[in-house]
Amino acid sequence: MTESWVTTEEPKKLGRKTAVCIVLLIAAVLCMMVVIRGIDKNASNGKVTDAETAAAYLLTLGWEVDQSSCQAQTTVLPEYFDTTLSDYNKLQLEQGFDLEKFAGKEIIVYTFQVKNYPNASDVMACLMTCKSRVIGGDIHSAEMDGFMHALQ
């Protein structure tokens, strides 16, 4: 004959204070996720409303920028593009943007110092927006014999 030992212990009850702490902890984690996903969503959707979301957008492209160096300038794109602006728009077209669609409209240009450009210093990231939508940008050197290329 085999003996079988079965013990029945009552499960421990969760105290009220512990339950409240767990609920508050879960709520705090969910709030943090919503805030973080909101910033990421704006960045990935190309929605830029300020220097912080502009920096987040650039980070999604691999560019670490110094937010304290940000210069935000409001300007109006000309109705008609001269040769220089037409040439610049070719760079924008290569990366899926078209500044001509925003001719005559007010835009905001965010310019940052890039911190992680390889083998170069004094490199800037320029991001252009119209009504919080990214419409163009570039990475360029501030040197006289510098360079300029697409954001990616």
C-alpha atoms as a PDB file:
ATOM      1  CA  MET A   1       0.000   0.000   0.000  1.00  0.00           C
ATOM      2  CA  THR A   2       1.436   3.406  -0.977  1.00  0.00           C
ATOM      3  CA  GLU A   3       0.937   6.361   1.144  1.00  0.00           C
ATOM      4  CA  SER A   4      -0.007   9.588  -0.451  1.00  0.00           C
ATOM      5  CA  TRP A   5       0.597  12.817   1.342  1.00  0.00           C
ATOM      6  CA  VAL A   6      -1.645  15.551   0.226  1.00  0.00           C
ATOM      7  CA  THR A   7      -1.398  18.823   1.975  1.00  0.00           C
ATOM      8  CA  THR A   8      -3.870  21.540   1.519  1.00  0.00           C
ATOM      9  CA  GLU A   9      -2.621  24.944   2.456  1.00  0.00           C
ATOM     10  CA  GLU A  10      -4.715  27.963   2.021  1.00  0.00           C
ATOM     11  CA  PRO A  11      -3.193  30.397  -0.448  1.00  0.00           C
ATOM     12  CA  LYS A  12      -1.865  33.545   1.119  1.00  0.00           C
ATOM     13  CA  LYS A  13      -4.123  36.494   0.659  1.00  0.00           C
ATOM     14  CA  LEU A  14      -2.787  39.605  -0.945  1.00  0.00           C
ATOM     15  CA  GLY A  15      -2.892  42.482   1.478  1.00  0.00           C
ATOM     16  CA  ARG A  16      -4.731  45.636   0.528  1.00  0.00           C
ATOM     17  CA  LYS A  17      -1.573  47.779   0.651  1.00  0.00           C
ATOM     18  CA  THR A  18       0.325  45.329  -1.550  1.00  0.00           C
ATOM     19  CA  ALA A  19      -2.513  45.213  -4.087  1.00  0.00           C
ATOM     20  CA  VAL A  20      -2.683  49.012  -4.247  1.00  0.00           C
ATOM     21  CA  CYS A  21       1.099  49.215  -4.730  1.00  0.00           C
ATOM     22  CA  ILE A  22       0.978  46.681  -7.562  1.00  0.00           C
ATOM     23  CA  VAL A  23      -1.855  48.534  -9.307  1.00  0.00           C
ATOM     24  CA  LEU A  24      -0.018  51.868  -8.973  1.00  0.00           C
ATOM     25  CA  LEU A  25       3.196  50.327 -10.272  1.00  0.00           C
ATOM     26  CA  ILE A  26       1.414  48.879 -13.311  1.00  0.00           C
ATOM     27  CA  ALA A  27      -0.296  52.237 -13.950  1.00  0.00           C
ATOM     28  CA  ALA A  28       3.053  54.071 -13.764  1.00  0.00           C
ATOM     29  CA  VAL A  29       4.670  51.627 -16.201  1.00  0.00           C
ATOM     30  CA  LEU A  30       1.760  51.977 -18.627  1.00  0.00           C
ATOM     31  CA  CYS A  31       1.944  55.792 -18.443  1.00  0.00           C
ATOM     32  CA  MET A  32       5.672  55.721 -19.177  1.00  0.00           C
ATOM     33  CA  MET A  33       5.085  53.421 -22.151  1.00  0.00           C
ATOM     34  CA  VAL A  34       2.425  55.755 -23.549  1.00  0.00           C
ATOM     35  CA  VAL A  35       4.717  58.796 -23.250  1.00  0.00           C
ATOM     36  CA  ILE A  36       7.707  57.011 -24.789  1.00  0.00           C
ATOM     37  CA  ARG A  37       5.660  55.493 -27.607  1.00  0.00           C
ATOM     38  CA  GLY A  38       4.085  58.896 -28.262  1.00  0.00           C
ATOM     39  CA  ILE A  39       7.492  60.503 -28.810  1.00  0.00           C
ATOM     40  CA  ASP A  40       8.660  57.543 -30.916  1.00  0.00           C
ATOM     41  CA  LYS A  41       5.420  57.541 -32.900  1.00  0.00           C
ATOM     42  CA  ASN A  42       5.751  61.255 -33.652  1.00  0.00           C
ATOM     43  CA  ALA A  43       9.347  60.759 -34.695  1.00  0.00           C
ATOM     44  CA  SER A  44       8.637  57.739 -36.887  1.00  0.00           C
ATOM     45  CA  ASN A  45       5.632  59.447 -38.477  1.00  0.00           C
ATOM     46  CA  GLY A  46       7.724  62.484 -39.282  1.00  0.00           C
ATOM     47  CA  LYS A  47       5.709  64.688 -36.906  1.00  0.00           C
ATOM     48  CA  VAL A  48       8.029  67.245 -35.357  1.00  0.00           C
ATOM     49  CA  THR A  49       6.602  69.861 -33.029  1.00  0.00           C
ATOM     50  CA  ASP A  50       9.693  71.119 -31.190  1.00  0.00           C
ATOM     51  CA  ALA A  51      13.440  70.650 -30.726  1.00  0.00           C
ATOM     52  CA  GLU A  52      12.921  67.496 -28.647  1.00  0.00           C
ATOM     53  CA  THR A  53      10.870  65.697 -31.303  1.00  0.00           C
ATOM     54  CA  ALA A  54      13.236  66.963 -34.024  1.00  0.00           C
ATOM     55  CA  ALA A  55      16.165  65.408 -32.133  1.00  0.00           C
ATOM     56  CA  ALA A  56      14.153  62.185 -31.667  1.00  0.00           C
ATOM     57  CA  TYR A  57      13.423  62.072 -35.410  1.00  0.00           C
ATOM     58  CA  LEU A  58      17.120  62.487 -36.227  1.00  0.00           C
ATOM     59  CA  LEU A  59      17.972  59.743 -33.738  1.00  0.00           C
ATOM     60  CA  THR A  60      15.682  57.342 -35.636  1.00  0.00           C
ATOM     61  CA  LEU A  61      17.959  58.019 -38.614  1.00  0.00           C
ATOM     62  CA  GLY A  62      21.064  57.295 -36.550  1.00  0.00           C
ATOM     63  CA  TRP A  63      22.131  60.881 -35.787  1.00  0.00           C
ATOM     64  CA  GLU A  64      22.863  61.856 -32.200  1.00  0.00           C
ATOM     65  CA  VAL A  65      22.561  65.602 -31.829  1.00  0.00           C
ATOM     66  CA  ASP A  66      23.281  68.124 -29.101  1.00  0.00           C
ATOM     67  CA  GLN A  67      19.835  69.444 -28.185  1.00  0.00           C
ATOM     68  CA  SER A  68      21.331  72.467 -26.450  1.00  0.00           C
ATOM     69  CA  SER A  69      22.804  73.549 -29.810  1.00  0.00           C
ATOM     70  CA  CYS A  70      19.383  73.631 -31.500  1.00  0.00           C
ATOM     71  CA  GLN A  71      18.512  76.704 -33.491  1.00  0.00           C
ATOM     72  CA  ALA A  72      14.907  76.827 -34.711  1.00  0.00           C
ATOM     73  CA  GLN A  73      14.280  79.396 -37.414  1.00  0.00           C
ATOM     74  CA  THR A  74      10.938  80.204 -38.996  1.00  0.00           C
ATOM     75  CA  THR A  75      11.098  81.243 -42.640  1.00  0.00           C
ATOM     76  CA  VAL A  76       9.016  81.208 -45.807  1.00  0.00           C
ATOM     77  CA  LEU A  77      10.105  79.127 -48.776  1.00  0.00           C
ATOM     78  CA  PRO A  78      10.182  81.273 -51.922  1.00  0.00           C
ATOM     79  CA  GLU A  79       7.360  80.920 -54.448  1.00  0.00           C
ATOM     80  CA  TYR A  80       9.911  80.307 -57.209  1.00  0.00           C
ATOM     81  CA  PHE A  81      13.148  78.401 -56.777  1.00  0.00           C
ATOM     82  CA  ASP A  82      16.397  79.858 -58.096  1.00  0.00           C
ATOM     83  CA  THR A  83      19.236  77.601 -59.299  1.00  0.00           C
ATOM     84  CA  THR A  84      20.690  77.133 -55.812  1.00  0.00           C
ATOM     85  CA  LEU A  85      17.363  76.136 -54.243  1.00  0.00           C
ATOM     86  CA  SER A  86      16.515  73.920 -57.233  1.00  0.00           C
ATOM     87  CA  ASP A  87      19.852  72.132 -56.811  1.00  0.00           C
ATOM     88  CA  TYR A  88      19.178  71.726 -53.093  1.00  0.00           C
ATOM     89  CA  ASN A  89      15.729  70.337 -53.876  1.00  0.00           C
ATOM     90  CA  LYS A  90      17.380  67.621 -56.003  1.00  0.00           C
ATOM     91  CA  LEU A  91      19.000  66.358 -52.789  1.00  0.00           C
ATOM     92  CA  GLN A  92      15.588  66.422 -51.128  1.00  0.00           C
ATOM     93  CA  LEU A  93      13.987  64.537 -54.027  1.00  0.00           C
ATOM     94  CA  GLU A  94      16.633  61.811 -53.678  1.00  0.00           C
ATOM     95  CA  GLN A  95      15.443  61.159 -50.135  1.00  0.00           C
ATOM     96  CA  GLY A  96      11.723  61.303 -50.884  1.00  0.00           C
ATOM     97  CA  PHE A  97      10.996  64.947 -50.090  1.00  0.00           C
ATOM     98  CA  ASP A  98       9.960  67.750 -52.456  1.00  0.00           C
ATOM     99  CA  LEU A  99      10.323  71.314 -51.242  1.00  0.00           C
ATOM    100  CA  GLU A 100       8.472  72.705 -54.274  1.00  0.00           C
ATOM    101  CA  LYS A 101       5.239  71.384 -52.748  1.00  0.00           C
ATOM    102  CA  PHE A 102       5.796  73.880 -49.935  1.00  0.00           C
ATOM    103  CA  ALA A 103       6.764  76.920 -52.032  1.00  0.00           C
ATOM    104  CA  GLY A 104       5.394  80.099 -50.479  1.00  0.00           C
ATOM    105  CA  LYS A 105       4.652  78.368 -47.170  1.00  0.00           C
ATOM    106  CA  GLU A 106       6.043  79.071 -43.721  1.00  0.00           C
ATOM    107  CA  ILE A 107       8.475  76.414 -42.505  1.00  0.00           C
ATOM    108  CA  ILE A 108      10.586  75.834 -39.415  1.00  0.00           C
ATOM    109  CA  VAL A 109      14.218  74.819 -39.831  1.00  0.00           C
ATOM    110  CA  TYR A 110      15.816  72.998 -36.885  1.00  0.00           C
ATOM    111  CA  THR A 111      19.626  72.938 -36.927  1.00  0.00           C
ATOM    112  CA  PHE A 112      21.697  70.855 -34.503  1.00  0.00           C
ATOM    113  CA  GLN A 113      25.334  69.998 -33.905  1.00  0.00           C
ATOM    114  CA  VAL A 114      25.832  66.289 -34.763  1.00  0.00           C
ATOM    115  CA  LYS A 115      27.724  64.385 -32.065  1.00  0.00           C
ATOM    116  CA  ASN A 116      28.359  61.059 -33.824  1.00  0.00           C
ATOM    117  CA  TYR A 117      29.567  61.902 -37.334  1.00  0.00           C
ATOM    118  CA  PRO A 118      32.626  59.725 -38.061  1.00  0.00           C
ATOM    119  CA  ASN A 119      35.989  61.406 -38.641  1.00  0.00           C
ATOM    120  CA  ALA A 120      34.647  64.952 -38.825  1.00  0.00           C
ATOM    121  CA  SER A 121      33.869  67.810 -36.503  1.00  0.00           C
ATOM    122  CA  ASP A 122      31.581  70.789 -36.848  1.00  0.00           C
ATOM    123  CA  VAL A 123      28.895  68.733 -38.599  1.00  0.00           C
ATOM    124  CA  MET A 124      25.317  69.972 -38.540  1.00  0.00           C
ATOM    125  CA  ALA A 125      21.932  68.310 -39.029  1.00  0.00           C
ATOM    126  CA  CYS A 126      19.228  70.410 -40.635  1.00  0.00           C
ATOM    127  CA  LEU A 127      15.576  69.340 -40.429  1.00  0.00           C
ATOM    128  CA  MET A 128      12.803  71.274 -42.167  1.00  0.00           C
ATOM    129  CA  THR A 129       9.151  71.082 -41.133  1.00  0.00           C
ATOM    130  CA  CYS A 130       5.863  72.550 -42.284  1.00  0.00           C
ATOM    131  CA  LYS A 131       2.887  72.287 -39.925  1.00  0.00           C
ATOM    132  CA  SER A 132       4.826  69.752 -37.808  1.00  0.00           C
ATOM    133  CA  ARG A 133       5.519  67.517 -40.817  1.00  0.00           C
ATOM    134  CA  VAL A 134       9.096  66.781 -41.885  1.00  0.00           C
ATOM    135  CA  ILE A 135       9.553  68.079 -45.426  1.00  0.00           C
ATOM    136  CA  GLY A 136      13.322  67.867 -45.868  1.00  0.00           C
ATOM    137  CA  GLY A 137      16.732  68.072 -44.340  1.00  0.00           C
ATOM    138  CA  ASP A 138      20.420  67.371 -44.697  1.00  0.00           C
ATOM    139  CA  ILE A 139      23.673  66.623 -42.925  1.00  0.00           C
ATOM    140  CA  HIS A 140      26.410  69.140 -43.698  1.00  0.00           C
ATOM    141  CA  SER A 141      29.796  70.362 -42.625  1.00  0.00           C
ATOM    142  CA  ALA A 142      30.143  73.945 -41.517  1.00  0.00           C
ATOM    143  CA  GLU A 143      33.667  74.066 -43.000  1.00  0.00           C
ATOM    144  CA  MET A 144      34.339  76.150 -46.136  1.00  0.00           C
ATOM    145  CA  ASP A 145      35.375  73.067 -48.114  1.00  0.00           C
ATOM    146  CA  GLY A 146      32.756  70.929 -46.374  1.00  0.00           C
ATOM    147  CA  PHE A 147      30.136  68.510 -47.579  1.00  0.00           C
ATOM    148  CA  MET A 148      26.376  68.058 -47.674  1.00  0.00           C
ATOM    149  CA  HIS A 149      24.367  64.874 -48.037  1.00  0.00           C
ATOM    150  CA  ALA A 150      20.938  63.390 -47.375  1.00  0.00           C
ATOM    151  CA  LEU A 151      19.729  62.637 -43.876  1.00  0.00           C
ATOM    152  CA  GLN A 152      20.185  58.882 -44.367  1.00  0.00           C
END
